[in-house]
Amino acid sequence: MSESSDTRTKTLNFNVGVLGHVDSGKTSLARALSSTASTAAFDKNPQSRERGITLDLGFSSFTVDLPDHLRDSVGKQPYDSLQFTLVDCPGHASLIRTIIGGAQIIDLMMLVVDVVKGVQTQTAECLLIGELTCPRMVVVLNKIDLLPPNKRQSAIEKMTKRLHKTLESTRFKDCPVIAVAAKPGGPEAPDTEEPQGVPQLIELLKKQTYLPKRDPGGDLLMAVDHCFSIRGQGTVMTGTILQGSLAINDTVEIPVLKVTDDYTVIGRSLFKKETNLQLFVGLKVTLSTGETGVIEGGFGQSGKFKIRVQEGLRPETKQLFSSASKKKGKSGSKGATANEEEPRTDFQPVSIHLHFKRYVFDPHKKMVQS
């Protein structure tokens, strides 16, 4: 919910996720619907424009009059207008984590389907994500301008029946289906070409809205979608508040969380950054302190890796790691001077030993341990 300070009007915000297979016209549809765009909307990322696909979450919005069914249900705090915030999600398979991140903040899913190609791989994956995260859905058949005019209506009806057949075993079996052409003529067509079916889609979205459950009085919970640096300002985060409330000029304290346990060790400097760590997953390693563990996988993008120590670290080993952490923090502080009276302790880093055999003529380069 947002409230302007000058006119004291209240706006109900409703998040709509735009999901579907890659190249089904999701971003074009979001552009056709929106009146306000964020700095991350409509593939403004240079890499997105270069590759021609959405790589990150995009946000845009448009505002309509509050529907009558919402006006009657809001009770003592009536709203004056309804704002649809569109969350444009990527459609490529390799960006499934980004898609899931976008689906977690939406109130309604708009599943975009290419009317010519029908249900594709990522269409089905987005449908599954929607079943887990979203109570309502609208299916949008896009690119109807590619259908021959004399066969357009029959093709739309045929695809609608096929989709209802696909959805009959899901929670969205009775969801509405609407046909549009967000960008008639394709991406290269001039902007003078008017989208088809967009006003009807807006009316359908208004009918599908409901009063989302928000808890403005609870603890602050914010889903961060973008994080970037601005010179002179520092790190800037943008996101969606799912619980609690914030006001302009509020100060937010973010605790630094560093979760540790007695069974996990992060190793470094054993592999090169470009090494395929998957080849070493499951191999046994030995610490110089005597413990043995198993490589679980990579940790970050710098060649670090995670080791699982089944028996747990010994108390003296944990003391070594603790001493190393304190020494690192002390040496990294600015303006600190060494105290000559403090006793000097020589810290020996814990080394990791990995022994394996690899046959020279093995085409798979498989690692073997005795």
Protein backbone atom coordinates (compact mmCIF):
# COMPACT_ATOMS: atom_id res chain seq x y z
CA MET A 1 0.00 0.00 0.00
CA SER A 2 1.31 3.47 -0.90
CA GLU A 3 0.03 6.89 0.22
CA SER A 4 0.86 10.25 -1.34
CA SER A 5 1.59 13.06 1.10
CA ASP A 6 -0.11 15.86 -0.83
CA THR A 7 -3.49 14.46 -1.85
CA ARG A 8 -3.63 11.77 0.82
CA THR A 9 -4.79 9.17 -1.70
CA LYS A 10 -4.31 5.51 -0.92
CA THR A 11 -3.21 3.05 -3.57
CA LEU A 12 -3.50 -0.71 -3.25
CA ASN A 13 -0.47 -2.44 -4.78
CA PHE A 14 -0.98 -5.81 -6.48
CA ASN A 15 2.03 -7.77 -7.77
CA VAL A 16 1.57 -9.65 -11.06
CA GLY A 17 4.28 -12.02 -12.26
CA VAL A 18 4.86 -12.26 -16.03
CA LEU A 19 6.18 -15.79 -16.63
CA GLY A 20 6.52 -18.11 -19.60
CA HIS A 21 8.90 -19.74 -22.07
CA VAL A 22 11.77 -17.72 -23.52
CA ASP A 23 10.79 -15.57 -26.52
CA SER A 24 7.06 -15.81 -25.84
CA GLY A 25 6.72 -12.02 -25.67
CA LYS A 26 6.69 -11.42 -21.91
CA THR A 27 8.71 -8.20 -21.96
CA SER A 28 6.74 -6.82 -24.92
CA LEU A 29 3.52 -7.53 -23.03
CA ALA A 30 4.82 -5.80 -19.89
CA ARG A 31 5.81 -2.78 -22.00
CA ALA A 32 2.38 -2.65 -23.67
CA LEU A 33 0.62 -2.70 -20.28
CA SER A 34 2.86 -0.38 -18.28
CA SER A 35 2.75 3.37 -17.79
CA THR A 36 5.66 3.58 -15.33
CA ALA A 37 8.99 1.76 -15.70
CA SER A 38 11.72 1.16 -13.14
CA THR A 39 15.42 1.45 -13.91
CA ALA A 40 15.53 -2.34 -14.41
CA ALA A 41 12.48 -2.67 -16.67
CA PHE A 42 12.20 -3.83 -20.29
CA ASP A 43 15.66 -5.42 -20.64
CA LYS A 44 17.68 -2.26 -19.96
CA ASN A 45 20.62 -4.48 -19.04
CA PRO A 46 23.15 -4.17 -21.93
CA GLN A 47 23.71 -7.94 -21.90
CA SER A 48 19.95 -8.50 -22.23
CA ARG A 49 19.82 -6.28 -25.30
CA GLU A 50 22.89 -7.90 -26.81
CA ARG A 51 21.51 -11.44 -26.40
CA GLY A 52 17.90 -10.53 -27.05
CA ILE A 53 16.55 -12.26 -23.92
CA THR A 54 15.59 -11.20 -20.39
CA LEU A 55 18.38 -11.94 -17.90
CA ASP A 56 17.11 -10.28 -14.73
CA LEU A 57 13.86 -9.34 -13.02
CA GLY A 58 12.21 -6.25 -14.52
CA PHE A 59 9.67 -4.06 -12.71
CA SER A 60 7.04 -1.74 -14.17
CA SER A 61 3.53 -0.65 -13.20
CA PHE A 62 0.23 0.88 -14.24
CA THR A 63 -2.67 2.26 -12.19
CA VAL A 64 -6.42 1.77 -12.68
CA ASP A 65 -9.58 2.64 -10.81
CA LEU A 66 -10.29 0.39 -7.85
CA PRO A 67 -12.71 -2.40 -8.87
CA ASP A 68 -16.08 -2.49 -7.10
CA HIS A 69 -15.48 -5.91 -5.52
CA LEU A 70 -12.33 -4.56 -3.81
CA ARG A 71 -14.01 -1.32 -2.80
CA ASP A 72 -16.59 -3.31 -0.84
CA SER A 73 -14.06 -5.62 0.84
CA VAL A 74 -11.45 -3.20 2.19
CA GLY A 75 -13.63 -2.13 5.15
CA LYS A 76 -12.65 0.92 7.17
CA GLN A 77 -9.53 1.74 5.13
CA PRO A 78 -10.77 2.30 1.58
CA TYR A 79 -8.33 2.66 -1.29
CA ASP A 80 -8.69 5.13 -4.13
CA SER A 81 -6.88 3.25 -6.88
CA LEU A 82 -5.28 -0.07 -7.77
CA GLN A 83 -1.66 -0.30 -8.89
CA PHE A 84 -0.50 -3.36 -10.81
CA THR A 85 3.23 -3.96 -10.38
CA LEU A 86 4.47 -6.25 -13.15
CA VAL A 87 7.39 -8.55 -12.33
CA ASP A 88 8.90 -9.51 -15.69
CA CYS A 89 10.72 -12.81 -15.13
CA PRO A 90 13.29 -14.42 -17.47
CA GLY A 91 12.24 -17.44 -19.49
CA HIS A 92 15.57 -19.16 -20.13
CA ALA A 93 16.18 -22.50 -18.42
CA SER A 94 19.55 -21.41 -16.99
CA LEU A 95 17.86 -18.56 -15.08
CA ILE A 96 15.41 -20.72 -13.13
CA ARG A 97 16.67 -19.33 -9.79
CA THR A 98 15.83 -15.81 -10.90
CA ILE A 99 12.38 -17.00 -11.99
CA ILE A 100 11.76 -18.57 -8.57
CA GLY A 101 12.90 -15.37 -6.86
CA GLY A 102 10.37 -13.38 -8.87
CA ALA A 103 7.56 -15.86 -8.23
CA GLN A 104 7.94 -15.56 -4.45
CA ILE A 105 6.68 -11.97 -4.36
CA ILE A 106 3.68 -12.14 -6.71
CA ASP A 107 -0.04 -12.20 -5.94
CA LEU A 108 -1.17 -13.36 -9.38
CA MET A 109 0.66 -15.08 -12.23
CA MET A 110 0.27 -14.12 -15.85
CA LEU A 111 1.44 -17.13 -17.89
CA VAL A 112 2.39 -15.98 -21.39
CA VAL A 113 2.11 -18.62 -24.12
CA ASP A 114 3.14 -18.28 -27.76
CA VAL A 115 -0.12 -19.10 -29.56
CA VAL A 116 1.81 -20.64 -32.46
CA LYS A 117 4.15 -22.87 -30.41
CA GLY A 118 1.86 -23.67 -27.47
CA VAL A 119 3.12 -25.11 -24.18
CA GLN A 120 6.93 -25.44 -24.14
CA THR A 121 9.50 -26.62 -21.61
CA GLN A 122 9.77 -23.46 -19.50
CA THR A 123 6.01 -22.94 -19.78
CA ALA A 124 5.51 -26.17 -17.83
CA GLU A 125 8.23 -25.23 -15.32
CA CYS A 126 6.66 -21.81 -14.70
CA LEU A 127 3.29 -23.50 -14.22
CA LEU A 128 4.81 -25.73 -11.55
CA ILE A 129 6.43 -22.74 -9.82
CA GLY A 130 3.10 -20.93 -9.90
CA GLU A 131 1.33 -23.85 -8.24
CA LEU A 132 3.76 -23.61 -5.32
CA THR A 133 3.79 -19.84 -4.89
CA CYS A 134 0.67 -18.24 -6.35
CA PRO A 135 -3.09 -18.71 -5.73
CA ARG A 136 -4.39 -17.33 -9.06
CA MET A 137 -3.34 -17.30 -12.70
CA VAL A 138 -4.32 -15.78 -16.04
CA VAL A 139 -3.13 -17.40 -19.28
CA VAL A 140 -2.26 -14.97 -22.07
CA LEU A 141 -2.07 -16.30 -25.63
CA ASN A 142 0.38 -13.91 -27.26
CA LYS A 143 1.39 -13.25 -30.90
CA ILE A 144 -2.07 -13.81 -32.38
CA ASP A 145 -1.04 -11.45 -35.20
CA LEU A 146 1.07 -14.32 -36.59
CA LEU A 147 -2.07 -16.37 -37.27
CA PRO A 148 -3.85 -16.01 -40.65
CA PRO A 149 -6.91 -13.74 -40.18
CA ASN A 150 -9.31 -16.29 -41.66
CA LYS A 151 -8.11 -19.03 -39.27
CA ARG A 152 -7.27 -16.89 -36.22
CA GLN A 153 -10.38 -17.46 -34.13
CA SER A 154 -10.45 -21.24 -34.68
CA ALA A 155 -6.73 -21.51 -33.83
CA ILE A 156 -7.26 -19.52 -30.62
CA GLU A 157 -10.18 -21.73 -29.59
CA LYS A 158 -8.17 -24.87 -30.34
CA MET A 159 -5.21 -23.67 -28.25
CA THR A 160 -7.56 -22.62 -25.43
CA LYS A 161 -9.08 -26.11 -25.28
CA ARG A 162 -5.61 -27.66 -25.28
CA LEU A 163 -4.52 -25.45 -22.38
CA HIS A 164 -7.63 -26.22 -20.34
CA LYS A 165 -6.88 -29.91 -20.89
CA THR A 166 -3.33 -29.37 -19.63
CA LEU A 167 -4.51 -27.41 -16.58
CA GLU A 168 -7.37 -29.69 -15.52
CA SER A 169 -5.19 -31.56 -12.99
CA THR A 170 -3.73 -28.36 -11.47
CA ARG A 171 -5.07 -25.72 -9.08
CA PHE A 172 -5.56 -23.44 -12.10
CA LYS A 173 -8.06 -25.65 -13.94
CA ASP A 174 -10.68 -22.88 -14.18
CA CYS A 175 -8.32 -20.00 -14.91
CA PRO A 176 -9.29 -17.58 -17.71
CA VAL A 177 -7.49 -17.53 -21.08
CA ILE A 178 -7.23 -14.39 -23.20
CA ALA A 179 -5.62 -13.73 -26.59
CA VAL A 180 -3.47 -10.65 -27.34
CA ALA A 181 -0.79 -9.34 -29.66
CA ALA A 182 1.58 -7.31 -27.48
CA LYS A 183 3.86 -6.28 -30.35
CA PRO A 184 2.17 -6.80 -33.74
CA GLY A 185 4.76 -7.37 -36.44
CA GLY A 186 7.50 -8.48 -34.05
CA PRO A 187 10.37 -6.64 -32.31
CA GLU A 188 11.46 -4.84 -35.48
CA ALA A 189 8.00 -3.43 -36.21
CA PRO A 190 7.45 0.33 -35.72
CA ASP A 191 5.90 1.50 -32.47
CA THR A 192 2.99 3.01 -34.38
CA GLU A 193 1.39 -0.44 -34.51
CA GLU A 194 -1.15 -0.64 -31.69
CA PRO A 195 -1.20 -3.75 -29.44
CA GLN A 196 -4.26 -5.96 -29.74
CA GLY A 197 -6.35 -7.13 -26.78
CA VAL A 198 -4.53 -5.11 -24.08
CA PRO A 199 -7.62 -3.19 -22.80
CA GLN A 200 -9.51 -6.49 -22.47
CA LEU A 201 -6.54 -7.98 -20.59
CA ILE A 202 -6.53 -5.07 -18.13
CA GLU A 203 -10.24 -5.57 -17.44
CA LEU A 204 -9.62 -9.28 -16.88
CA LEU A 205 -6.78 -8.54 -14.45
CA LYS A 206 -9.06 -6.18 -12.51
CA LYS A 207 -11.64 -8.96 -12.13
CA GLN A 208 -8.98 -11.41 -10.89
CA THR A 209 -7.60 -9.14 -8.16
CA TYR A 210 -8.21 -9.76 -4.48
CA LEU A 211 -7.10 -8.12 -1.25
CA PRO A 212 -3.60 -9.54 -0.55
CA LYS A 213 -2.79 -10.44 3.02
CA ARG A 214 -0.22 -7.96 4.27
CA ASP A 215 0.98 -7.49 7.85
CA PRO A 216 2.21 -3.89 8.15
CA GLY A 217 2.60 -4.26 11.90
CA GLY A 218 4.86 -7.31 11.84
CA ASP A 219 8.64 -7.57 11.67
CA LEU A 220 10.13 -6.11 8.50
CA LEU A 221 10.55 -8.72 5.76
CA MET A 222 11.87 -7.49 2.42
CA ALA A 223 12.69 -9.59 -0.63
CA VAL A 224 15.75 -7.94 -2.25
CA ASP A 225 15.81 -8.24 -6.03
CA HIS A 226 18.62 -5.86 -7.04
CA CYS A 227 21.81 -4.71 -5.34
CA PHE A 228 24.23 -2.22 -6.90
CA SER A 229 26.69 0.53 -5.97
CA ILE A 230 26.30 4.26 -6.60
CA ARG A 231 29.39 6.44 -6.30
CA GLY A 232 29.07 8.71 -3.31
CA GLN A 233 26.05 6.84 -1.95
CA GLY A 234 27.33 3.31 -1.33
CA THR A 235 25.40 0.08 -1.81
CA VAL A 236 21.77 0.44 -2.88
CA MET A 237 19.22 -2.36 -2.55
CA THR A 238 15.77 -2.50 -4.12
CA GLY A 239 13.05 -5.00 -3.36
CA THR A 240 9.51 -5.77 -2.26
CA ILE A 241 8.31 -5.47 1.34
CA LEU A 242 6.36 -8.61 2.18
CA GLN A 243 5.76 -7.79 5.85
CA GLY A 244 6.14 -4.77 8.09
CA SER A 245 6.41 -1.19 6.84
CA LEU A 246 8.97 1.50 6.04
CA ALA A 247 8.84 5.26 5.64
CA ILE A 248 11.17 7.60 3.77
CA ASN A 249 14.31 8.49 5.79
CA ASP A 250 13.87 5.50 8.12
CA THR A 251 17.12 3.88 9.25
CA VAL A 252 17.29 0.11 8.81
CA GLU A 253 19.88 -1.98 10.61
CA ILE A 254 20.83 -5.18 8.76
CA PRO A 255 22.61 -7.75 10.97
CA VAL A 256 25.62 -9.52 9.52
CA LEU A 257 24.92 -13.24 9.58
CA LYS A 258 27.81 -15.68 9.45
CA VAL A 259 26.51 -19.18 10.13
CA THR A 260 29.19 -21.68 11.14
CA ASP A 261 29.12 -25.25 12.33
CA ASP A 262 31.58 -27.92 13.49
CA TYR A 263 31.23 -30.08 10.38
CA THR A 264 31.91 -27.70 7.48
CA VAL A 265 35.23 -26.25 6.33
CA ILE A 266 35.79 -23.87 3.40
CA GLY A 267 39.05 -24.59 1.59
CA ARG A 268 40.99 -22.43 -0.85
CA SER A 269 44.16 -22.37 -2.97
CA LEU A 270 43.92 -26.09 -3.74
CA PHE A 271 42.32 -25.67 -7.17
CA LYS A 272 42.62 -23.07 -9.88
CA LYS A 273 39.64 -20.81 -10.49
CA GLU A 274 38.90 -22.44 -13.85
CA THR A 275 39.03 -26.02 -12.47
CA ASN A 276 35.86 -28.09 -12.83
CA LEU A 277 35.24 -28.89 -9.16
CA GLN A 278 32.50 -31.38 -10.03
CA LEU A 279 35.24 -33.86 -10.96
CA PHE A 280 36.47 -33.81 -7.35
CA VAL A 281 33.12 -34.00 -5.54
CA GLY A 282 33.06 -37.00 -3.19
CA LEU A 283 36.84 -37.36 -2.90
CA LYS A 284 38.38 -37.65 0.56
CA VAL A 285 40.75 -35.03 1.93
CA THR A 286 42.85 -34.88 5.09
CA LEU A 287 43.49 -31.78 7.19
CA SER A 288 46.92 -31.16 8.66
CA THR A 289 45.24 -31.27 12.08
CA GLY A 290 44.27 -34.92 11.50
CA GLU A 291 40.57 -34.77 10.56
CA THR A 292 39.30 -36.34 7.35
CA GLY A 293 36.48 -35.03 5.21
CA VAL A 294 34.79 -35.21 1.83
CA ILE A 295 34.61 -32.51 -0.84
CA GLU A 296 30.95 -31.47 -1.21
CA GLY A 297 31.29 -28.95 -4.03
CA GLY A 298 32.30 -25.43 -4.92
CA PHE A 299 31.82 -22.35 -2.75
CA GLY A 300 31.39 -19.13 -4.70
CA GLN A 301 33.19 -18.37 -7.96
CA SER A 302 36.80 -17.98 -6.81
CA GLY A 303 37.90 -21.62 -6.66
CA LYS A 304 36.92 -22.14 -3.02
CA PHE A 305 35.28 -25.42 -2.07
CA LYS A 306 33.27 -26.90 0.77
CA ILE A 307 34.46 -29.87 2.86
CA ARG A 308 32.20 -32.00 5.05
CA VAL A 309 33.94 -33.40 8.14
CA GLN A 310 31.72 -36.29 9.27
CA GLU A 311 33.24 -36.65 12.74
CA GLY A 312 33.34 -32.92 13.38
CA LEU A 313 36.27 -30.62 14.06
CA ARG A 314 38.35 -31.08 17.19
CA PRO A 315 38.31 -28.30 19.82
CA GLU A 316 41.95 -27.41 19.13
CA THR A 317 41.22 -27.15 15.39
CA LYS A 318 38.31 -24.80 16.04
CA GLN A 319 40.63 -22.74 18.22
CA LEU A 320 43.08 -22.46 15.33
CA PHE A 321 40.36 -21.21 12.97
CA SER A 322 39.15 -18.77 15.62
CA SER A 323 42.66 -17.39 16.13
CA ALA A 324 43.12 -17.00 12.37
CA SER A 325 39.85 -15.07 12.11
CA LYS A 326 40.82 -12.70 14.93
CA LYS A 327 44.27 -12.12 13.42
CA LYS A 328 42.73 -11.34 10.03
CA GLY A 329 40.30 -8.86 11.56
CA LYS A 330 43.04 -7.14 13.56
CA SER A 331 45.40 -6.81 10.59
CA GLY A 332 42.61 -5.53 8.36
CA SER A 333 41.57 -2.64 10.63
CA LYS A 334 42.57 0.81 9.37
CA GLY A 335 44.83 2.97 11.52
CA ALA A 336 45.78 0.12 13.85
CA THR A 337 49.34 0.09 15.20
CA ALA A 338 51.18 -2.92 16.52
CA ASN A 339 51.59 -3.15 20.27
CA GLU A 340 55.18 -4.13 20.98
CA GLU A 341 54.30 -5.42 24.45
CA GLU A 342 51.85 -8.04 23.11
CA PRO A 343 53.35 -11.52 22.82
CA ARG A 344 53.75 -12.64 19.21
CA THR A 345 52.19 -15.96 18.29
CA ASP A 346 53.18 -17.75 15.10
CA PHE A 347 50.01 -18.95 13.43
CA GLN A 348 50.31 -22.03 11.21
CA PRO A 349 47.52 -22.28 8.61
CA VAL A 350 45.63 -25.55 8.34
CA SER A 351 46.60 -27.27 5.11
CA ILE A 352 44.43 -29.67 3.09
CA HIS A 353 45.86 -32.82 1.51
CA LEU A 354 44.19 -34.49 -1.46
CA HIS A 355 45.64 -37.74 -2.85
CA PHE A 356 44.26 -39.33 -6.01
CA LYS A 357 45.25 -41.22 -9.14
CA ARG A 358 44.26 -40.43 -12.69
CA TYR A 359 45.07 -42.66 -15.62
CA VAL A 360 46.79 -40.80 -18.45
CA PHE A 361 44.85 -42.49 -21.26
CA ASP A 362 41.44 -42.32 -19.59
CA PRO A 363 39.27 -40.11 -21.87
CA HIS A 364 36.98 -39.20 -18.93
CA LYS A 365 39.96 -38.23 -16.69
CA LYS A 366 38.30 -39.95 -13.75
CA MET A 367 39.89 -39.48 -10.31
CA VAL A 368 40.55 -42.65 -8.29
CA GLN A 369 41.48 -42.92 -4.62
CA SER A 370 42.90 -46.03 -2.99
